[in-house]
């Protein structure tokens, strides 16, 4: 099933918050190219706070593939040294995205190309 799907995630938090999104199990044989990017970061909601520090991070956290016997592989993660914002996965089973925020309102756009 070829196609392009778009999703978005949002957090508004005065503390720390992790929003997660996992693609439903894809059909075997589905190749995926996926991206995630911050599309808005807004700190004005907390301008009068005693804590001026904020953070927002949008990453592709993990994915699984189908093994030759049809079972799902163990979870694979992107590099911890470099946030994974785009990945191409052959025979993809699932993919999980994270949007993390601290003292911020943030929105992230997800694009999933299936081929």
PDB file of N, CA and C in Angstrom:
ATOM      1  N   UNK A   1       0.831  -1.168   0.000  1.00  0.00           N
ATOM      2  CA  UNK A   1       0.000   0.000   0.000  1.00  0.00           C
ATOM      3  C   UNK A   1       0.886   1.246   0.000  1.00  0.00           C
ATOM      4  N   UNK A   2       1.025   1.899  -1.124  1.00  0.00           N
ATOM      5  CA  UNK A   2       1.840   3.088  -1.261  1.00  0.00           C
ATOM      6  C   UNK A   2       1.075   4.299  -0.758  1.00  0.00           C
ATOM      7  N   UNK A   3       1.801   5.280  -0.251  1.00  0.00           N
ATOM      8  CA  UNK A   3       1.123   6.488   0.183  1.00  0.00           C
ATOM      9  C   UNK A   3       1.976   7.353   1.077  1.00  0.00           C
ATOM     10  N   UNK A   4       1.418   8.515   1.376  1.00  0.00           N
ATOM     11  CA  UNK A   4       2.057   9.471   2.280  1.00  0.00           C
ATOM     12  C   UNK A   4       1.028   9.839   3.337  1.00  0.00           C
ATOM     13  N   UNK A   5       1.426   9.766   4.592  1.00  0.00           N
ATOM     14  CA  UNK A   5       0.553  10.144   5.695  1.00  0.00           C
ATOM     15  C   UNK A   5       1.237  11.225   6.518  1.00  0.00           C
ATOM     16  N   UNK A   6       0.446  12.149   7.017  1.00  0.00           N
ATOM     17  CA  UNK A   6       0.960  13.203   7.886  1.00  0.00           C
ATOM     18  C   UNK A   6       0.267  13.152   9.234  1.00  0.00           C
ATOM     19  N   UNK A   7       1.015  13.374  10.274  1.00  0.00           N
ATOM     20  CA  UNK A   7       0.495  13.391  11.634  1.00  0.00           C
ATOM     21  C   UNK A   7       1.136  14.569  12.353  1.00  0.00           C
ATOM     22  N   UNK A   8       0.559  14.962  13.476  1.00  0.00           N
ATOM     23  CA  UNK A   8       1.196  15.975  14.305  1.00  0.00           C
ATOM     24  C   UNK A   8       1.022  15.619  15.766  1.00  0.00           C
ATOM     25  N   UNK A   9       1.948  16.140  16.569  1.00  0.00           N
ATOM     26  CA  UNK A   9       1.931  15.951  18.016  1.00  0.00           C
ATOM     27  C   UNK A   9       2.134  17.325  18.654  1.00  0.00           C
ATOM     28  N   UNK A  10       1.586  17.493  19.852  1.00  0.00           N
ATOM     29  CA  UNK A  10       1.707  18.779  20.523  1.00  0.00           C
ATOM     30  C   UNK A  10       1.831  18.577  22.029  1.00  0.00           C
ATOM     31  N   UNK A  11       2.640  19.431  22.658  1.00  0.00           N
ATOM     32  CA  UNK A  11       2.726  19.464  24.118  1.00  0.00           C
ATOM     33  C   UNK A  11       2.632  20.914  24.577  1.00  0.00           C
ATOM     34  N   UNK A  12       1.972  21.119  25.694  1.00  0.00           N
ATOM     35  CA  UNK A  12       1.958  22.407  26.396  1.00  0.00           C
ATOM     36  C   UNK A  12       2.177  22.044  27.859  1.00  0.00           C
ATOM     37  N   UNK A  13       3.327  22.440  28.383  1.00  0.00           N
ATOM     38  CA  UNK A  13       3.663  21.991  29.732  1.00  0.00           C
ATOM     39  C   UNK A  13       4.475  23.033  30.491  1.00  0.00           C
ATOM     40  N   UNK A  14       4.161  23.188  31.756  1.00  0.00           N
ATOM     41  CA  UNK A  14       4.962  24.060  32.614  1.00  0.00           C
ATOM     42  C   UNK A  14       6.073  23.254  33.290  1.00  0.00           C
ATOM     43  N   UNK A  15       5.997  21.941  33.186  1.00  0.00           N
ATOM     44  CA  UNK A  15       7.041  21.066  33.730  1.00  0.00           C
ATOM     45  C   UNK A  15       7.687  20.294  32.594  1.00  0.00           C
ATOM     46  N   UNK A  16       7.842  18.978  32.781  1.00  0.00           N
ATOM     47  CA  UNK A  16       8.367  18.093  31.741  1.00  0.00           C
ATOM     48  C   UNK A  16       7.241  17.204  31.244  1.00  0.00           C
ATOM     49  N   UNK A  17       7.205  16.958  29.922  1.00  0.00           N
ATOM     50  CA  UNK A  17       6.176  16.091  29.375  1.00  0.00           C
ATOM     51  C   UNK A  17       6.700  15.399  28.125  1.00  0.00           C
ATOM     52  N   UNK A  18       6.412  14.098  28.020  1.00  0.00           N
ATOM     53  CA  UNK A  18       6.793  13.306  26.851  1.00  0.00           C
ATOM     54  C   UNK A  18       5.527  12.816  26.165  1.00  0.00           C
ATOM     55  N   UNK A  19       5.325  13.222  24.933  1.00  0.00           N
ATOM     56  CA  UNK A  19       4.211  12.760  24.115  1.00  0.00           C
ATOM     57  C   UNK A  19       4.751  11.699  23.167  1.00  0.00           C
ATOM     58  N   UNK A  20       4.054  10.568  23.052  1.00  0.00           N
ATOM     59  CA  UNK A  20       4.501   9.507  22.148  1.00  0.00           C
ATOM     60  C   UNK A  20       3.425   9.199  21.121  1.00  0.00           C
ATOM     61  N   UNK A  21       3.870   8.747  19.953  1.00  0.00           N
ATOM     62  CA  UNK A  21       2.964   8.320  18.888  1.00  0.00           C
ATOM     63  C   UNK A  21       3.601   7.119  18.214  1.00  0.00           C
ATOM     64  N   UNK A  22       2.836   6.012  18.104  1.00  0.00           N
ATOM     65  CA  UNK A  22       3.332   4.808  17.443  1.00  0.00           C
ATOM     66  C   UNK A  22       2.429   4.477  16.269  1.00  0.00           C
ATOM     67  N   UNK A  23       3.061   4.285  15.112  1.00  0.00           N
ATOM     68  CA  UNK A  23       2.302   3.833  13.950  1.00  0.00           C
ATOM     69  C   UNK A  23       1.738   2.459  14.239  1.00  0.00           C
ATOM     70  N   UNK A  24       0.488   2.237  13.861  1.00  0.00           N
ATOM     71  CA  UNK A  24      -0.082   0.898  13.988  1.00  0.00           C
ATOM     72  C   UNK A  24       0.772  -0.074  13.199  1.00  0.00           C
ATOM     73  N   UNK A  25       0.626  -1.337  13.513  1.00  0.00           N
ATOM     74  CA  UNK A  25       1.410  -2.353  12.821  1.00  0.00           C
ATOM     75  C   UNK A  25       1.148  -2.277  11.320  1.00  0.00           C
ATOM     76  N   UNK A  26       2.234  -2.093  10.569  1.00  0.00           N
ATOM     77  CA  UNK A  26       2.149  -1.973   9.117  1.00  0.00           C
ATOM     78  C   UNK A  26       2.128  -3.361   8.479  1.00  0.00           C
ATOM     79  N   UNK A  27       1.592  -3.490   7.269  1.00  0.00           N
ATOM     80  CA  UNK A  27       1.595  -4.793   6.598  1.00  0.00           C
ATOM     81  C   UNK A  27       3.022  -5.234   6.279  1.00  0.00           C
ATOM     82  N   UNK A  28       3.316  -6.533   6.354  1.00  0.00           N
ATOM     83  CA  UNK A  28       4.645  -7.022   5.975  1.00  0.00           C
ATOM     84  C   UNK A  28       5.009  -6.559   4.563  1.00  0.00           C
ATOM     85  N   UNK A  29       6.290  -6.236   4.385  1.00  0.00           N
ATOM     86  CA  UNK A  29       6.769  -5.792   3.079  1.00  0.00           C
ATOM     87  C   UNK A  29       6.682  -4.291   2.871  1.00  0.00           C
ATOM     88  N   UNK A  30       6.204  -3.543   3.874  1.00  0.00           N
ATOM     89  CA  UNK A  30       6.080  -2.088   3.738  1.00  0.00           C
ATOM     90  C   UNK A  30       7.421  -1.425   4.048  1.00  0.00           C
ATOM     91  N   UNK A  31       7.917  -0.676   3.085  1.00  0.00           N
ATOM     92  CA  UNK A  31       9.120   0.122   3.300  1.00  0.00           C
ATOM     93  C   UNK A  31       8.673   1.526   3.677  1.00  0.00           C
ATOM     94  N   UNK A  32       9.383   2.137   4.628  1.00  0.00           N
ATOM     95  CA  UNK A  32       8.972   3.439   5.165  1.00  0.00           C
ATOM     96  C   UNK A  32      10.153   4.399   5.162  1.00  0.00           C
ATOM     97  N   UNK A  33       9.868   5.619   4.726  1.00  0.00           N
ATOM     98  CA  UNK A  33      10.774   6.739   4.965  1.00  0.00           C
ATOM     99  C   UNK A  33       9.967   7.722   5.812  1.00  0.00           C
ATOM    100  N   UNK A  34      10.457   8.044   7.007  1.00  0.00           N
ATOM    101  CA  UNK A  34       9.709   8.899   7.927  1.00  0.00           C
ATOM    102  C   UNK A  34      10.576  10.062   8.391  1.00  0.00           C
ATOM    103  N   UNK A  35       9.898  11.185   8.653  1.00  0.00           N
ATOM    104  CA  UNK A  35      10.563  12.370   9.183  1.00  0.00           C
ATOM    105  C   UNK A  35       9.723  12.951  10.317  1.00  0.00           C
ATOM    106  N   UNK A  36      10.386  13.644  11.223  1.00  0.00           N
ATOM    107  CA  UNK A  36       9.703  14.418  12.259  1.00  0.00           C
ATOM    108  C   UNK A  36      10.472  15.724  12.429  1.00  0.00           C
ATOM    109  N   UNK A  37       9.728  16.823  12.570  1.00  0.00           N
ATOM    110  CA  UNK A  37      10.368  18.127  12.722  1.00  0.00           C
ATOM    111  C   UNK A  37       9.517  19.014  13.622  1.00  0.00           C
ATOM    112  N   UNK A  38      10.180  19.813  14.425  1.00  0.00           N
ATOM    113  CA  UNK A  38       9.468  20.809  15.216  1.00  0.00           C
ATOM    114  C   UNK A  38       8.903  21.861  14.269  1.00  0.00           C
ATOM    115  N   UNK A  39       7.630  22.173  14.422  1.00  0.00           N
ATOM    116  CA  UNK A  39       7.036  23.210  13.576  1.00  0.00           C
ATOM    117  C   UNK A  39       6.652  24.451  14.383  1.00  0.00           C
ATOM    118  N   UNK A  40       6.653  24.334  15.714  1.00  0.00           N
ATOM    119  CA  UNK A  40       6.389  25.494  16.560  1.00  0.00           C
ATOM    120  C   UNK A  40       7.015  25.268  17.927  1.00  0.00           C
ATOM    121  N   UNK A  41       7.639  26.292  18.435  1.00  0.00           N
ATOM    122  CA  UNK A  41       8.133  26.319  19.804  1.00  0.00           C
ATOM    123  C   UNK A  41       7.739  27.675  20.367  1.00  0.00           C
ATOM    124  N   UNK A  42       6.959  27.667  21.447  1.00  0.00           N
ATOM    125  CA  UNK A  42       6.424  28.905  21.991  1.00  0.00           C
ATOM    126  C   UNK A  42       6.630  28.911  23.498  1.00  0.00           C
ATOM    127  N   UNK A  43       7.328  29.924  23.980  1.00  0.00           N
ATOM    128  CA  UNK A  43       7.575  30.036  25.425  1.00  0.00           C
ATOM    129  C   UNK A  43       6.777  31.172  26.055  1.00  0.00           C
ATOM    130  N   UNK A  44       5.966  31.863  25.282  1.00  0.00           N
ATOM    131  CA  UNK A  44       5.254  33.040  25.799  1.00  0.00           C
ATOM    132  C   UNK A  44       4.224  32.701  26.876  1.00  0.00           C
ATOM    133  N   UNK A  45       3.723  31.468  26.898  1.00  0.00           N
ATOM    134  CA  UNK A  45       2.764  31.072  27.931  1.00  0.00           C
ATOM    135  C   UNK A  45       3.374  31.135  29.322  1.00  0.00           C
ATOM    136  N   UNK A  46       4.698  31.029  29.392  1.00  0.00           N
ATOM    137  CA  UNK A  46       5.388  30.939  30.674  1.00  0.00           C
ATOM    138  C   UNK A  46       6.331  32.129  30.884  1.00  0.00           C
ATOM    139  N   UNK A  47       6.075  33.243  30.235  1.00  0.00           N
ATOM    140  CA  UNK A  47       6.959  34.416  30.280  1.00  0.00           C
ATOM    141  C   UNK A  47       7.110  34.995  31.679  1.00  0.00           C
ATOM    142  N   UNK A  48       6.093  34.867  32.515  1.00  0.00           N
ATOM    143  CA  UNK A  48       6.149  35.434  33.869  1.00  0.00           C
ATOM    144  C   UNK A  48       6.648  34.438  34.903  1.00  0.00           C
ATOM    145  N   UNK A  49       7.168  33.333  34.465  1.00  0.00           N
ATOM    146  CA  UNK A  49       7.635  32.288  35.368  1.00  0.00           C
ATOM    147  C   UNK A  49       8.998  32.639  35.958  1.00  0.00           C
ATOM    148  N   UNK A  50       9.297  32.011  37.089  1.00  0.00           N
ATOM    149  CA  UNK A  50      10.613  32.167  37.704  1.00  0.00           C
ATOM    150  C   UNK A  50      11.682  31.344  36.991  1.00  0.00           C
ATOM    151  N   UNK A  51      11.255  30.440  36.112  1.00  0.00           N
ATOM    152  CA  UNK A  51      12.194  29.556  35.414  1.00  0.00           C
ATOM    153  C   UNK A  51      12.185  29.867  33.917  1.00  0.00           C
ATOM    154  N   UNK A  52      13.184  30.595  33.422  1.00  0.00           N
ATOM    155  CA  UNK A  52      13.194  30.972  32.012  1.00  0.00           C
ATOM    156  C   UNK A  52      13.715  29.873  31.074  1.00  0.00           C
ATOM    157  N   UNK A  53      14.191  28.760  31.612  1.00  0.00           N
ATOM    158  CA  UNK A  53      14.763  27.702  30.772  1.00  0.00           C
ATOM    159  C   UNK A  53      13.659  26.861  30.151  1.00  0.00           C
ATOM    160  N   UNK A  54      13.864  26.455  28.900  1.00  0.00           N
ATOM    161  CA  UNK A  54      12.887  25.613  28.217  1.00  0.00           C
ATOM    162  C   UNK A  54      13.623  24.679  27.273  1.00  0.00           C
ATOM    163  N   UNK A  55      12.903  23.648  26.805  1.00  0.00           N
ATOM    164  CA  UNK A  55      13.461  22.716  25.821  1.00  0.00           C
ATOM    165  C   UNK A  55      12.325  22.063  25.063  1.00  0.00           C
ATOM    166  N   UNK A  56      12.615  21.696  23.813  1.00  0.00           N
ATOM    167  CA  UNK A  56      11.682  20.926  22.992  1.00  0.00           C
ATOM    168  C   UNK A  56      12.511  20.033  22.088  1.00  0.00           C
ATOM    169  N   UNK A  57      12.088  18.782  21.957  1.00  0.00           N
ATOM    170  CA  UNK A  57      12.844  17.809  21.177  1.00  0.00           C
ATOM    171  C   UNK A  57      11.869  16.871  20.484  1.00  0.00           C
ATOM    172  N   UNK A  58      12.015  16.706  19.177  1.00  0.00           N
ATOM    173  CA  UNK A  58      11.177  15.797  18.399  1.00  0.00           C
ATOM    174  C   UNK A  58      12.083  14.790  17.701  1.00  0.00           C
ATOM    175  N   UNK A  59      11.858  13.508  17.965  1.00  0.00           N
ATOM    176  CA  UNK A  59      12.731  12.471  17.407  1.00  0.00           C
ATOM    177  C   UNK A  59      11.940  11.227  17.011  1.00  0.00           C
ATOM    178  N   UNK A  60      12.536  10.456  16.124  1.00  0.00           N
ATOM    179  CA  UNK A  60      12.051   9.103  15.862  1.00  0.00           C
ATOM    180  C   UNK A  60      12.753   8.229  16.887  1.00  0.00           C
ATOM    181  N   UNK A  61      11.990   7.709  17.818  1.00  0.00           N
ATOM    182  CA  UNK A  61      12.564   7.017  18.968  1.00  0.00           C
ATOM    183  C   UNK A  61      12.996   5.594  18.643  1.00  0.00           C
ATOM    184  N   UNK A  62      12.155   4.865  17.887  1.00  0.00           N
ATOM    185  CA  UNK A  62      12.471   3.456  17.646  1.00  0.00           C
ATOM    186  C   UNK A  62      11.624   2.908  16.508  1.00  0.00           C
ATOM    187  N   UNK A  63      11.986   1.704  16.058  1.00  0.00           N
ATOM    188  CA  UNK A  63      11.221   1.002  15.028  1.00  0.00           C
ATOM    189  C   UNK A  63      11.498  -0.486  15.114  1.00  0.00           C
ATOM    190  N   UNK A  64      10.626  -1.257  14.514  1.00  0.00           N
ATOM    191  CA  UNK A  64      10.819  -2.701  14.400  1.00  0.00           C
ATOM    192  C   UNK A  64      10.612  -3.090  12.945  1.00  0.00           C
ATOM    193  N   UNK A  65      11.123  -4.252  12.581  1.00  0.00           N
ATOM    194  CA  UNK A  65      10.956  -4.791  11.230  1.00  0.00           C
ATOM    195  C   UNK A  65      10.411  -6.215  11.332  1.00  0.00           C
ATOM    196  N   UNK A  66       9.978  -6.728  10.197  1.00  0.00           N
ATOM    197  CA  UNK A  66       9.562  -8.127  10.149  1.00  0.00           C
ATOM    198  C   UNK A  66      10.779  -8.997   9.876  1.00  0.00           C
ATOM    199  N   UNK A  67      10.904 -10.062  10.636  1.00  0.00           N
ATOM    200  CA  UNK A  67      11.974 -11.021  10.442  1.00  0.00           C
ATOM    201  C   UNK A  67      11.539 -12.035   9.377  1.00  0.00           C
ATOM    202  N   UNK A  68      12.482 -12.828   8.846  1.00  0.00           N
ATOM    203  CA  UNK A  68      12.133 -13.792   7.789  1.00  0.00           C
ATOM    204  C   UNK A  68      11.001 -14.751   8.166  1.00  0.00           C
ATOM    205  N   UNK A  69      10.851 -15.062   9.461  1.00  0.00           N
ATOM    206  CA  UNK A  69       9.780 -15.987   9.872  1.00  0.00           C
ATOM    207  C   UNK A  69       8.446 -15.268  10.092  1.00  0.00           C
ATOM    208  N   UNK A  70       8.403 -13.939   9.822  1.00  0.00           N
ATOM    209  CA  UNK A  70       7.164 -13.178   9.958  1.00  0.00           C
ATOM    210  C   UNK A  70       6.946 -12.541  11.315  1.00  0.00           C
ATOM    211  N   UNK A  71       7.803 -12.833  12.280  1.00  0.00           N
ATOM    212  CA  UNK A  71       7.671 -12.223  13.606  1.00  0.00           C
ATOM    213  C   UNK A  71       8.306 -10.831  13.600  1.00  0.00           C
ATOM    214  N   UNK A  72       7.968 -10.066  14.623  1.00  0.00           N
ATOM    215  CA  UNK A  72       8.499  -8.710  14.738  1.00  0.00           C
ATOM    216  C   UNK A  72       9.871  -8.735  15.411  1.00  0.00           C
ATOM    217  N   UNK A  73      10.790  -7.949  14.883  1.00  0.00           N
ATOM    218  CA  UNK A  73      12.148  -7.887  15.431  1.00  0.00           C
ATOM    219  C   UNK A  73      12.154  -7.186  16.790  1.00  0.00           C
ATOM    220  N   UNK A  74      13.261  -7.313  17.519  1.00  0.00           N
ATOM    221  CA  UNK A  74      13.419  -6.480  18.715  1.00  0.00           C
ATOM    222  C   UNK A  74      13.440  -5.005  18.308  1.00  0.00           C
ATOM    223  N   UNK A  75      13.142  -4.131  19.247  1.00  0.00           N
ATOM    224  CA  UNK A  75      13.110  -2.691  18.995  1.00  0.00           C
ATOM    225  C   UNK A  75      14.513  -2.195  18.656  1.00  0.00           C
ATOM    226  N   UNK A  76      14.592  -1.384  17.603  1.00  0.00           N
ATOM    227  CA  UNK A  76      15.846  -0.735  17.225  1.00  0.00           C
ATOM    228  C   UNK A  76      15.680   0.752  17.497  1.00  0.00           C
ATOM    229  N   UNK A  77      16.739   1.380  17.974  1.00  0.00           N
ATOM    230  CA  UNK A  77      16.689   2.804  18.295  1.00  0.00           C
ATOM    231  C   UNK A  77      17.711   3.556  17.469  1.00  0.00           C
ATOM    232  N   UNK A  78      17.429   4.838  17.265  1.00  0.00           N
ATOM    233  CA  UNK A  78      18.396   5.699  16.607  1.00  0.00           C
ATOM    234  C   UNK A  78      19.598   5.918  17.509  1.00  0.00           C
ATOM    235  N   UNK A  79      20.589   6.566  16.985  1.00  0.00           N
ATOM    236  CA  UNK A  79      21.809   6.846  17.734  1.00  0.00           C
ATOM    237  C   UNK A  79      21.523   7.788  18.900  1.00  0.00           C
ATOM    238  N   UNK A  80      22.114   7.511  20.048  1.00  0.00           N
ATOM    239  CA  UNK A  80      21.950   8.410  21.193  1.00  0.00           C
ATOM    240  C   UNK A  80      22.844   9.645  21.047  1.00  0.00           C
ATOM    241  N   UNK A  81      23.846   9.575  20.148  1.00  0.00           N
ATOM    242  CA  UNK A  81      24.740  10.705  19.913  1.00  0.00           C
ATOM    243  C   UNK A  81      24.114  11.769  19.014  1.00  0.00           C
ATOM    244  N   UNK A  82      23.169  11.363  18.184  1.00  0.00           N
ATOM    245  CA  UNK A  82      22.561  12.278  17.219  1.00  0.00           C
ATOM    246  C   UNK A  82      21.078  11.976  17.127  1.00  0.00           C
ATOM    247  N   UNK A  83      20.216  12.934  17.467  1.00  0.00           N
ATOM    248  CA  UNK A  83      18.771  12.675  17.408  1.00  0.00           C
ATOM    249  C   UNK A  83      18.335  12.241  16.010  1.00  0.00           C
ATOM    250  N   UNK A  84      17.548  11.199  15.940  1.00  0.00           N
ATOM    251  CA  UNK A  84      17.087  10.634  14.665  1.00  0.00           C
ATOM    252  C   UNK A  84      15.824  11.391  14.234  1.00  0.00           C
ATOM    253  N   UNK A  85      15.940  12.237  13.215  1.00  0.00           N
ATOM    254  CA  UNK A  85      14.800  12.993  12.721  1.00  0.00           C
ATOM    255  C   UNK A  85      14.269  12.466  11.395  1.00  0.00           C
ATOM    256  N   UNK A  86      15.020  11.572  10.764  1.00  0.00           N
ATOM    257  CA  UNK A  86      14.588  10.950   9.513  1.00  0.00           C
ATOM    258  C   UNK A  86      15.204   9.556   9.455  1.00  0.00           C
ATOM    259  N   UNK A  87      14.431   8.603   8.939  1.00  0.00           N
ATOM    260  CA  UNK A  87      14.947   7.241   8.836  1.00  0.00           C
ATOM    261  C   UNK A  87      14.220   6.513   7.708  1.00  0.00           C
ATOM    262  N   UNK A  88      14.942   5.636   7.047  1.00  0.00           N
ATOM    263  CA  UNK A  88      14.358   4.762   6.039  1.00  0.00           C
ATOM    264  C   UNK A  88      14.466   3.332   6.563  1.00  0.00           C
ATOM    265  N   UNK A  89      13.335   2.634   6.618  1.00  0.00           N
ATOM    266  CA  UNK A  89      13.305   1.283   7.193  1.00  0.00           C
ATOM    267  C   UNK A  89      12.616   0.346   6.205  1.00  0.00           C
ATOM    268  N   UNK A  90      13.327  -0.680   5.766  1.00  0.00           N
ATOM    269  CA  UNK A  90      12.733  -1.681   4.884  1.00  0.00           C
ATOM    270  C   UNK A  90      11.961  -2.696   5.708  1.00  0.00           C
ATOM    271  N   UNK A  91      10.819  -3.135   5.177  1.00  0.00           N
ATOM    272  CA  UNK A  91       9.985  -4.148   5.817  1.00  0.00           C
ATOM    273  C   UNK A  91       9.613  -3.732   7.250  1.00  0.00           C
ATOM    274  N   UNK A  92       9.192  -2.476   7.396  1.00  0.00           N
ATOM    275  CA  UNK A  92       8.904  -1.878   8.704  1.00  0.00           C
ATOM    276  C   UNK A  92       7.612  -2.444   9.304  1.00  0.00           C
ATOM    277  N   UNK A  93       7.658  -2.754  10.586  1.00  0.00           N
ATOM    278  CA  UNK A  93       6.473  -3.234  11.302  1.00  0.00           C
ATOM    279  C   UNK A  93       5.834  -2.108  12.119  1.00  0.00           C
ATOM    280  N   UNK A  94       6.626  -1.406  12.926  1.00  0.00           N
ATOM    281  CA  UNK A  94       6.132  -0.298  13.757  1.00  0.00           C
ATOM    282  C   UNK A  94       7.203   0.787  13.840  1.00  0.00           C
ATOM    283  N   UNK A  95       6.742   2.001  14.168  1.00  0.00           N
ATOM    284  CA  UNK A  95       7.666   3.104  14.378  1.00  0.00           C
ATOM    285  C   UNK A  95       7.079   4.002  15.458  1.00  0.00           C
ATOM    286  N   UNK A  96       7.939   4.460  16.383  1.00  0.00           N
ATOM    287  CA  UNK A  96       7.501   5.298  17.491  1.00  0.00           C
ATOM    288  C   UNK A  96       8.219   6.647  17.444  1.00  0.00           C
ATOM    289  N   UNK A  97       7.448   7.710  17.649  1.00  0.00           N
ATOM    290  CA  UNK A  97       7.947   9.080  17.617  1.00  0.00           C
ATOM    291  C   UNK A  97       7.765   9.702  19.001  1.00  0.00           C
ATOM    292  N   UNK A  98       8.715  10.568  19.383  1.00  0.00           N
ATOM    293  CA  UNK A  98       8.644  11.276  20.656  1.00  0.00           C
ATOM    294  C   UNK A  98       8.640  12.779  20.409  1.00  0.00           C
ATOM    295  N   UNK A  99       7.841  13.486  21.204  1.00  0.00           N
ATOM    296  CA  UNK A  99       7.924  14.934  21.319  1.00  0.00           C
ATOM    297  C   UNK A  99       8.045  15.227  22.804  1.00  0.00           C
ATOM    298  N   UNK A 100       9.194  15.777  23.202  1.00  0.00           N
ATOM    299  CA  UNK A 100       9.477  16.061  24.605  1.00  0.00           C
ATOM    300  C   UNK A 100       9.515  17.571  24.801  1.00  0.00           C
ATOM    301  N   UNK A 101       8.901  18.040  25.869  1.00  0.00           N
ATOM    302  CA  UNK A 101       8.922  19.464  26.155  1.00  0.00           C
ATOM    303  C   UNK A 101       9.134  19.738  27.624  1.00  0.00           C
ATOM    304  N   UNK A 102       9.820  20.841  27.900  1.00  0.00           N
ATOM    305  CA  UNK A 102      10.020  21.345  29.255  1.00  0.00           C
ATOM    306  C   UNK A 102       9.717  22.843  29.231  1.00  0.00           C
ATOM    307  N   UNK A 103       8.693  23.249  29.975  1.00  0.00           N
ATOM    308  CA  UNK A 103       8.390  24.671  30.134  1.00  0.00           C
ATOM    309  C   UNK A 103       8.130  25.336  28.778  1.00  0.00           C
ATOM    310  N   UNK A 104       7.294  24.674  27.941  1.00  0.00           N
ATOM    311  CA  UNK A 104       7.144  25.126  26.554  1.00  0.00           C
ATOM    312  C   UNK A 104       5.827  24.625  25.959  1.00  0.00           C
ATOM    313  N   UNK A 105       5.408  25.278  24.910  1.00  0.00           N
ATOM    314  CA  UNK A 105       4.367  24.750  24.024  1.00  0.00           C
ATOM    315  C   UNK A 105       5.089  24.426  22.720  1.00  0.00           C
ATOM    316  N   UNK A 106       4.946  23.203  22.251  1.00  0.00           N
ATOM    317  CA  UNK A 106       5.667  22.785  21.037  1.00  0.00           C
ATOM    318  C   UNK A 106       4.787  21.864  20.199  1.00  0.00           C
ATOM    319  N   UNK A 107       4.948  21.973  18.886  1.00  0.00           N
ATOM    320  CA  UNK A 107       4.240  21.133  17.936  1.00  0.00           C
ATOM    321  C   UNK A 107       5.258  20.520  16.980  1.00  0.00           C
ATOM    322  N   UNK A 108       5.048  19.254  16.636  1.00  0.00           N
ATOM    323  CA  UNK A 108       5.915  18.566  15.682  1.00  0.00           C
ATOM    324  C   UNK A 108       5.070  17.963  14.569  1.00  0.00           C
ATOM    325  N   UNK A 109       5.598  18.007  13.348  1.00  0.00           N
ATOM    326  CA  UNK A 109       4.955  17.412  12.171  1.00  0.00           C
ATOM    327  C   UNK A 109       5.677  16.116  11.826  1.00  0.00           C
ATOM    328  N   UNK A 110       4.899  15.067  11.580  1.00  0.00           N
ATOM    329  CA  UNK A 110       5.431  13.755  11.187  1.00  0.00           C
ATOM    330  C   UNK A 110       4.978  13.471   9.763  1.00  0.00           C
ATOM    331  N   UNK A 111       5.897  13.021   8.917  1.00  0.00           N
ATOM    332  CA  UNK A 111       5.577  12.583   7.560  1.00  0.00           C
ATOM    333  C   UNK A 111       6.045  11.146   7.394  1.00  0.00           C
ATOM    334  N   UNK A 112       5.154  10.301   6.881  1.00  0.00           N
ATOM    335  CA  UNK A 112       5.466   8.884   6.680  1.00  0.00           C
ATOM    336  C   UNK A 112       5.184   8.548   5.216  1.00  0.00           C
ATOM    337  N   UNK A 113       6.240   8.189   4.498  1.00  0.00           N
ATOM    338  CA  UNK A 113       6.143   7.774   3.100  1.00  0.00           C
ATOM    339  C   UNK A 113       6.228   6.250   3.061  1.00  0.00           C
ATOM    340  N   UNK A 114       5.197   5.604   2.541  1.00  0.00           N
ATOM    341  CA  UNK A 114       5.174   4.141   2.421  1.00  0.00           C
ATOM    342  C   UNK A 114       5.408   3.765   0.958  1.00  0.00           C
ATOM    343  N   UNK A 115       6.380   2.876   0.730  1.00  0.00           N
ATOM    344  CA  UNK A 115       6.670   2.455  -0.648  1.00  0.00           C
ATOM    345  C   UNK A 115       7.056   0.985  -0.700  1.00  0.00           C
TER     346      UNK A 115
END
